[in-house]
């Protein structure tokens, strides 16, 4: 199951907090996080890695970034 977190327009640490909240849910195995700044992209990626998730893809989308992370 893939969960989408739309954190565009929010400044750090809000995108990180939103992503971490979703990572804590047992049924989430894949998470897509939408952000619109380089700082948020880096911070969300770093937070995911620190929680044992793998950043599988980062792509530019609509003036921002689409970050896909997978558990394990």
PDB file of N, CA and C in Angstrom:
ATOM      1  N   UNK A   1       0.845  -1.186   0.000  1.00  0.00           N
ATOM      2  CA  UNK A   1       0.000   0.000   0.000  1.00  0.00           C
ATOM      3  C   UNK A   1       0.888   1.246   0.000  1.00  0.00           C
ATOM      4  N   UNK A   2       0.592   2.168  -0.892  1.00  0.00           N
ATOM      5  CA  UNK A   2       1.353   3.413  -0.974  1.00  0.00           C
ATOM      6  C   UNK A   2       0.536   4.545  -0.382  1.00  0.00           C
ATOM      7  N   UNK A   3       1.160   5.288   0.504  1.00  0.00           N
ATOM      8  CA  UNK A   3       0.510   6.439   1.130  1.00  0.00           C
ATOM      9  C   UNK A   3       1.139   7.707   0.581  1.00  0.00           C
ATOM     10  N   UNK A   4       0.312   8.719   0.321  1.00  0.00           N
ATOM     11  CA  UNK A   4       0.781   9.991  -0.214  1.00  0.00           C
ATOM     12  C   UNK A   4       0.711  11.056   0.871  1.00  0.00           C
ATOM     13  N   UNK A   5       1.805  11.808   1.011  1.00  0.00           N
ATOM     14  CA  UNK A   5       1.847  12.944   1.926  1.00  0.00           C
ATOM     15  C   UNK A   5       2.148  14.182   1.090  1.00  0.00           C
ATOM     16  N   UNK A   6       1.220  15.116   1.061  1.00  0.00           N
ATOM     17  CA  UNK A   6       1.413  16.347   0.304  1.00  0.00           C
ATOM     18  C   UNK A   6       1.830  17.447   1.266  1.00  0.00           C
ATOM     19  N   UNK A   7       3.130  17.738   1.291  1.00  0.00           N
ATOM     20  CA  UNK A   7       3.666  18.750   2.204  1.00  0.00           C
ATOM     21  C   UNK A   7       4.125  19.989   1.443  1.00  0.00           C
ATOM     22  N   UNK A   8       3.627  20.157   0.220  1.00  0.00           N
ATOM     23  CA  UNK A   8       3.990  21.345  -0.562  1.00  0.00           C
ATOM     24  C   UNK A   8       3.439  22.592   0.111  1.00  0.00           C
ATOM     25  N   UNK A   9       4.239  23.642   0.105  1.00  0.00           N
ATOM     26  CA  UNK A   9       3.814  24.894   0.710  1.00  0.00           C
ATOM     27  C   UNK A   9       4.099  24.990   2.201  1.00  0.00           C
ATOM     28  N   UNK A  10       4.605  23.904   2.777  1.00  0.00           N
ATOM     29  CA  UNK A  10       4.921  23.896   4.210  1.00  0.00           C
ATOM     30  C   UNK A  10       6.425  24.007   4.402  1.00  0.00           C
ATOM     31  N   UNK A  11       6.833  24.687   5.461  1.00  0.00           N
ATOM     32  CA  UNK A  11       8.265  24.809   5.721  1.00  0.00           C
ATOM     33  C   UNK A  11       8.687  23.812   6.797  1.00  0.00           C
ATOM     34  N   UNK A  12       9.961  23.457   6.785  1.00  0.00           N
ATOM     35  CA  UNK A  12      10.492  22.511   7.775  1.00  0.00           C
ATOM     36  C   UNK A  12      10.346  23.115   9.162  1.00  0.00           C
ATOM     37  N   UNK A  13      10.029  22.281  10.121  1.00  0.00           N
ATOM     38  CA  UNK A  13      10.087  20.818  10.083  1.00  0.00           C
ATOM     39  C   UNK A  13       8.769  20.131   9.724  1.00  0.00           C
ATOM     40  N   UNK A  14       7.746  20.866   9.316  1.00  0.00           N
ATOM     41  CA  UNK A  14       6.425  20.271   9.099  1.00  0.00           C
ATOM     42  C   UNK A  14       6.427  19.089   8.116  1.00  0.00           C
ATOM     43  N   UNK A  15       7.080  19.180   6.940  1.00  0.00           N
ATOM     44  CA  UNK A  15       7.091  18.016   6.036  1.00  0.00           C
ATOM     45  C   UNK A  15       7.729  16.780   6.671  1.00  0.00           C
ATOM     46  N   UNK A  16       8.775  16.982   7.451  1.00  0.00           N
ATOM     47  CA  UNK A  16       9.447  15.860   8.122  1.00  0.00           C
ATOM     48  C   UNK A  16       8.513  15.227   9.147  1.00  0.00           C
ATOM     49  N   UNK A  17       7.840  16.054   9.937  1.00  0.00           N
ATOM     50  CA  UNK A  17       6.921  15.543  10.956  1.00  0.00           C
ATOM     51  C   UNK A  17       5.793  14.748  10.304  1.00  0.00           C
ATOM     52  N   UNK A  18       5.234  15.274   9.212  1.00  0.00           N
ATOM     53  CA  UNK A  18       4.153  14.580   8.516  1.00  0.00           C
ATOM     54  C   UNK A  18       4.623  13.231   7.977  1.00  0.00           C
ATOM     55  N   UNK A  19       5.821  13.210   7.393  1.00  0.00           N
ATOM     56  CA  UNK A  19       6.360  11.956   6.850  1.00  0.00           C
ATOM     57  C   UNK A  19       6.625  10.953   7.971  1.00  0.00           C
ATOM     58  N   UNK A  20       7.229  11.403   9.048  1.00  0.00           N
ATOM     59  CA  UNK A  20       7.524  10.502  10.170  1.00  0.00           C
ATOM     60  C   UNK A  20       6.256   9.932  10.792  1.00  0.00           C
ATOM     61  N   UNK A  21       5.207  10.743  10.876  1.00  0.00           N
ATOM     62  CA  UNK A  21       3.931  10.251  11.404  1.00  0.00           C
ATOM     63  C   UNK A  21       3.405   9.097  10.561  1.00  0.00           C
ATOM     64  N   UNK A  22       3.516   9.216   9.241  1.00  0.00           N
ATOM     65  CA  UNK A  22       3.045   8.147   8.357  1.00  0.00           C
ATOM     66  C   UNK A  22       3.952   6.919   8.431  1.00  0.00           C
ATOM     67  N   UNK A  23       5.245   7.125   8.615  1.00  0.00           N
ATOM     68  CA  UNK A  23       6.187   6.005   8.708  1.00  0.00           C
ATOM     69  C   UNK A  23       5.912   5.143   9.940  1.00  0.00           C
ATOM     70  N   UNK A  24       5.351   5.741  10.969  1.00  0.00           N
ATOM     71  CA  UNK A  24       5.081   5.011  12.210  1.00  0.00           C
ATOM     72  C   UNK A  24       3.879   4.074  12.099  1.00  0.00           C
ATOM     73  N   UNK A  25       3.060   4.274  11.084  1.00  0.00           N
ATOM     74  CA  UNK A  25       1.872   3.437  10.927  1.00  0.00           C
ATOM     75  C   UNK A  25       2.276   2.061  10.392  1.00  0.00           C
ATOM     76  N   UNK A  26       1.786   1.027  11.033  1.00  0.00           N
ATOM     77  CA  UNK A  26       2.188  -0.352  10.736  1.00  0.00           C
ATOM     78  C   UNK A  26       1.931  -0.780   9.296  1.00  0.00           C
ATOM     79  N   UNK A  27       0.826  -0.330   8.706  1.00  0.00           N
ATOM     80  CA  UNK A  27       0.444  -0.836   7.389  1.00  0.00           C
ATOM     81  C   UNK A  27       1.163  -0.151   6.231  1.00  0.00           C
ATOM     82  N   UNK A  28       1.932   0.889   6.501  1.00  0.00           N
ATOM     83  CA  UNK A  28       2.635   1.592   5.431  1.00  0.00           C
ATOM     84  C   UNK A  28       3.947   0.895   5.079  1.00  0.00           C
ATOM     85  N   UNK A  29       4.091   0.541   3.809  1.00  0.00           N
ATOM     86  CA  UNK A  29       5.323  -0.065   3.306  1.00  0.00           C
ATOM     87  C   UNK A  29       6.008   0.858   2.307  1.00  0.00           C
ATOM     88  N   UNK A  30       5.231   1.745   1.707  1.00  0.00           N
ATOM     89  CA  UNK A  30       5.774   2.687   0.739  1.00  0.00           C
ATOM     90  C   UNK A  30       5.097   4.032   0.961  1.00  0.00           C
ATOM     91  N   UNK A  31       5.881   5.073   0.863  1.00  0.00           N
ATOM     92  CA  UNK A  31       5.396   6.418   1.142  1.00  0.00           C
ATOM     93  C   UNK A  31       5.904   7.352   0.053  1.00  0.00           C
ATOM     94  N   UNK A  32       4.999   8.175  -0.478  1.00  0.00           N
ATOM     95  CA  UNK A  32       5.370   9.206  -1.444  1.00  0.00           C
ATOM     96  C   UNK A  32       5.145  10.547  -0.760  1.00  0.00           C
ATOM     97  N   UNK A  33       6.197  11.349  -0.709  1.00  0.00           N
ATOM     98  CA  UNK A  33       6.119  12.658  -0.058  1.00  0.00           C
ATOM     99  C   UNK A  33       6.360  13.735  -1.113  1.00  0.00           C
ATOM    100  N   UNK A  34       5.435  14.680  -1.209  1.00  0.00           N
ATOM    101  CA  UNK A  34       5.573  15.799  -2.136  1.00  0.00           C
ATOM    102  C   UNK A  34       6.016  17.029  -1.356  1.00  0.00           C
ATOM    103  N   UNK A  35       7.124  17.620  -1.774  1.00  0.00           N
ATOM    104  CA  UNK A  35       7.647  18.836  -1.137  1.00  0.00           C
ATOM    105  C   UNK A  35       8.029  19.829  -2.227  1.00  0.00           C
ATOM    106  N   UNK A  36       8.249  21.080  -1.847  1.00  0.00           N
ATOM    107  CA  UNK A  36       8.566  22.072  -2.870  1.00  0.00           C
ATOM    108  C   UNK A  36       9.840  22.864  -2.614  1.00  0.00           C
ATOM    109  N   UNK A  37      10.677  22.388  -1.691  1.00  0.00           N
ATOM    110  CA  UNK A  37      11.971  23.060  -1.482  1.00  0.00           C
ATOM    111  C   UNK A  37      13.091  22.021  -1.393  1.00  0.00           C
ATOM    112  N   UNK A  38      14.297  22.458  -1.744  1.00  0.00           N
ATOM    113  CA  UNK A  38      15.467  21.583  -1.623  1.00  0.00           C
ATOM    114  C   UNK A  38      15.689  21.163  -0.169  1.00  0.00           C
ATOM    115  N   UNK A  39      15.486  22.103   0.742  1.00  0.00           N
ATOM    116  CA  UNK A  39      15.690  21.815   2.163  1.00  0.00           C
ATOM    117  C   UNK A  39      14.746  20.715   2.632  1.00  0.00           C
ATOM    118  N   UNK A  40      13.481  20.815   2.279  1.00  0.00           N
ATOM    119  CA  UNK A  40      12.514  19.787   2.666  1.00  0.00           C
ATOM    120  C   UNK A  40      12.861  18.446   2.042  1.00  0.00           C
ATOM    121  N   UNK A  41      13.302  18.468   0.789  1.00  0.00           N
ATOM    122  CA  UNK A  41      13.700  17.230   0.110  1.00  0.00           C
ATOM    123  C   UNK A  41      14.825  16.542   0.873  1.00  0.00           C
ATOM    124  N   UNK A  42      15.837  17.297   1.232  1.00  0.00           N
ATOM    125  CA  UNK A  42      16.980  16.727   1.953  1.00  0.00           C
ATOM    126  C   UNK A  42      16.579  16.252   3.350  1.00  0.00           C
ATOM    127  N   UNK A  43      15.797  17.045   4.050  1.00  0.00           N
ATOM    128  CA  UNK A  43      15.412  16.695   5.419  1.00  0.00           C
ATOM    129  C   UNK A  43      14.497  15.482   5.478  1.00  0.00           C
ATOM    130  N   UNK A  44      13.550  15.382   4.554  1.00  0.00           N
ATOM    131  CA  UNK A  44      12.658  14.222   4.525  1.00  0.00           C
ATOM    132  C   UNK A  44      13.453  12.966   4.178  1.00  0.00           C
ATOM    133  N   UNK A  45      14.354  13.074   3.202  1.00  0.00           N
ATOM    134  CA  UNK A  45      15.189  11.924   2.815  1.00  0.00           C
ATOM    135  C   UNK A  45      16.060  11.469   3.985  1.00  0.00           C
ATOM    136  N   UNK A  46      16.656  12.404   4.681  1.00  0.00           N
ATOM    137  CA  UNK A  46      17.509  12.086   5.831  1.00  0.00           C
ATOM    138  C   UNK A  46      16.697  11.447   6.965  1.00  0.00           C
ATOM    139  N   UNK A  47      15.516  11.979   7.221  1.00  0.00           N
ATOM    140  CA  UNK A  47      14.658  11.439   8.280  1.00  0.00           C
ATOM    141  C   UNK A  47      14.220  10.014   7.946  1.00  0.00           C
ATOM    142  N   UNK A  48      13.879   9.769   6.694  1.00  0.00           N
ATOM    143  CA  UNK A  48      13.456   8.424   6.280  1.00  0.00           C
ATOM    144  C   UNK A  48      14.585   7.422   6.484  1.00  0.00           C
ATOM    145  N   UNK A  49      15.773   7.789   6.061  1.00  0.00           N
ATOM    146  CA  UNK A  49      16.934   6.912   6.206  1.00  0.00           C
ATOM    147  C   UNK A  49      17.213   6.626   7.679  1.00  0.00           C
ATOM    148  N   UNK A  50      17.065   7.640   8.523  1.00  0.00           N
ATOM    149  CA  UNK A  50      17.336   7.453   9.958  1.00  0.00           C
ATOM    150  C   UNK A  50      16.329   6.508  10.609  1.00  0.00           C
ATOM    151  N   UNK A  51      15.163   6.348   9.981  1.00  0.00           N
ATOM    152  CA  UNK A  51      14.128   5.456  10.516  1.00  0.00           C
ATOM    153  C   UNK A  51      14.191   4.054   9.890  1.00  0.00           C
ATOM    154  N   UNK A  52      15.225   3.801   9.086  1.00  0.00           N
ATOM    155  CA  UNK A  52      15.382   2.487   8.473  1.00  0.00           C
ATOM    156  C   UNK A  52      14.641   2.323   7.157  1.00  0.00           C
ATOM    157  N   UNK A  53      14.162   3.412   6.597  1.00  0.00           N
ATOM    158  CA  UNK A  53      13.495   3.379   5.298  1.00  0.00           C
ATOM    159  C   UNK A  53      14.526   3.678   4.221  1.00  0.00           C
ATOM    160  N   UNK A  54      14.254   3.210   3.006  1.00  0.00           N
ATOM    161  CA  UNK A  54      15.159   3.460   1.881  1.00  0.00           C
ATOM    162  C   UNK A  54      14.520   4.457   0.924  1.00  0.00           C
ATOM    163  N   UNK A  55      15.297   5.453   0.522  1.00  0.00           N
ATOM    164  CA  UNK A  55      14.819   6.405  -0.474  1.00  0.00           C
ATOM    165  C   UNK A  55      15.009   5.733  -1.830  1.00  0.00           C
ATOM    166  N   UNK A  56      13.902   5.367  -2.466  1.00  0.00           N
ATOM    167  CA  UNK A  56      14.004   4.629  -3.716  1.00  0.00           C
ATOM    168  C   UNK A  56      13.990   5.531  -4.942  1.00  0.00           C
ATOM    169  N   UNK A  57      13.399   6.727  -4.814  1.00  0.00           N
ATOM    170  CA  UNK A  57      13.361   7.629  -5.960  1.00  0.00           C
ATOM    171  C   UNK A  57      13.102   9.051  -5.506  1.00  0.00           C
ATOM    172  N   UNK A  58      13.801   9.992  -6.145  1.00  0.00           N
ATOM    173  CA  UNK A  58      13.529  11.412  -5.959  1.00  0.00           C
ATOM    174  C   UNK A  58      13.439  12.012  -7.359  1.00  0.00           C
ATOM    175  N   UNK A  59      12.294  12.596  -7.673  1.00  0.00           N
ATOM    176  CA  UNK A  59      12.127  13.188  -9.002  1.00  0.00           C
ATOM    177  C   UNK A  59      11.505  14.569  -8.874  1.00  0.00           C
ATOM    178  N   UNK A  60      11.801  15.408  -9.866  1.00  0.00           N
ATOM    179  CA  UNK A  60      11.205  16.740  -9.882  1.00  0.00           C
ATOM    180  C   UNK A  60       9.794  16.622 -10.422  1.00  0.00           C
ATOM    181  N   UNK A  61       8.884  17.342  -9.773  1.00  0.00           N
ATOM    182  CA  UNK A  61       7.481  17.281 -10.191  1.00  0.00           C
ATOM    183  C   UNK A  61       6.776  18.579  -9.859  1.00  0.00           C
ATOM    184  N   UNK A  62       6.248  19.234 -10.865  1.00  0.00           N
ATOM    185  CA  UNK A  62       5.432  20.432 -10.654  1.00  0.00           C
ATOM    186  C   UNK A  62       6.113  21.531  -9.870  1.00  0.00           C
ATOM    187  N   UNK A  63       7.376  21.777 -10.119  1.00  0.00           N
ATOM    188  CA  UNK A  63       8.097  22.821  -9.396  1.00  0.00           C
ATOM    189  C   UNK A  63       8.562  22.390  -8.016  1.00  0.00           C
ATOM    190  N   UNK A  64       8.405  21.117  -7.701  1.00  0.00           N
ATOM    191  CA  UNK A  64       8.851  20.596  -6.420  1.00  0.00           C
ATOM    192  C   UNK A  64       9.469  19.225  -6.596  1.00  0.00           C
ATOM    193  N   UNK A  65       9.355  18.394  -5.590  1.00  0.00           N
ATOM    194  CA  UNK A  65       9.968  17.064  -5.609  1.00  0.00           C
ATOM    195  C   UNK A  65       8.987  15.997  -5.152  1.00  0.00           C
ATOM    196  N   UNK A  66       9.131  14.835  -5.748  1.00  0.00           N
ATOM    197  CA  UNK A  66       8.364  13.643  -5.351  1.00  0.00           C
ATOM    198  C   UNK A  66       9.396  12.656  -4.794  1.00  0.00           C
ATOM    199  N   UNK A  67       9.269  12.356  -3.504  1.00  0.00           N
ATOM    200  CA  UNK A  67      10.211  11.470  -2.829  1.00  0.00           C
ATOM    201  C   UNK A  67       9.481  10.161  -2.520  1.00  0.00           C
ATOM    202  N   UNK A  68      10.002   9.054  -3.030  1.00  0.00           N
ATOM    203  CA  UNK A  68       9.420   7.759  -2.746  1.00  0.00           C
ATOM    204  C   UNK A  68      10.342   6.999  -1.819  1.00  0.00           C
ATOM    205  N   UNK A  69       9.805   6.569  -0.681  1.00  0.00           N
ATOM    206  CA  UNK A  69      10.594   5.801   0.296  1.00  0.00           C
ATOM    207  C   UNK A  69       9.883   4.482   0.570  1.00  0.00           C
ATOM    208  N   UNK A  70      10.692   3.453   0.845  1.00  0.00           N
ATOM    209  CA  UNK A  70      10.148   2.121   1.131  1.00  0.00           C
ATOM    210  C   UNK A  70      10.710   1.612   2.441  1.00  0.00           C
ATOM    211  N   UNK A  71       9.867   0.900   3.167  1.00  0.00           N
ATOM    212  CA  UNK A  71      10.272   0.355   4.457  1.00  0.00           C
ATOM    213  C   UNK A  71      11.227  -0.804   4.253  1.00  0.00           C
ATOM    214  N   UNK A  72      12.268  -0.837   5.097  1.00  0.00           N
ATOM    215  CA  UNK A  72      13.195  -1.962   5.061  1.00  0.00           C
ATOM    216  C   UNK A  72      14.292  -1.722   4.129  1.00  0.00           C
TER     217      UNK A  72
END
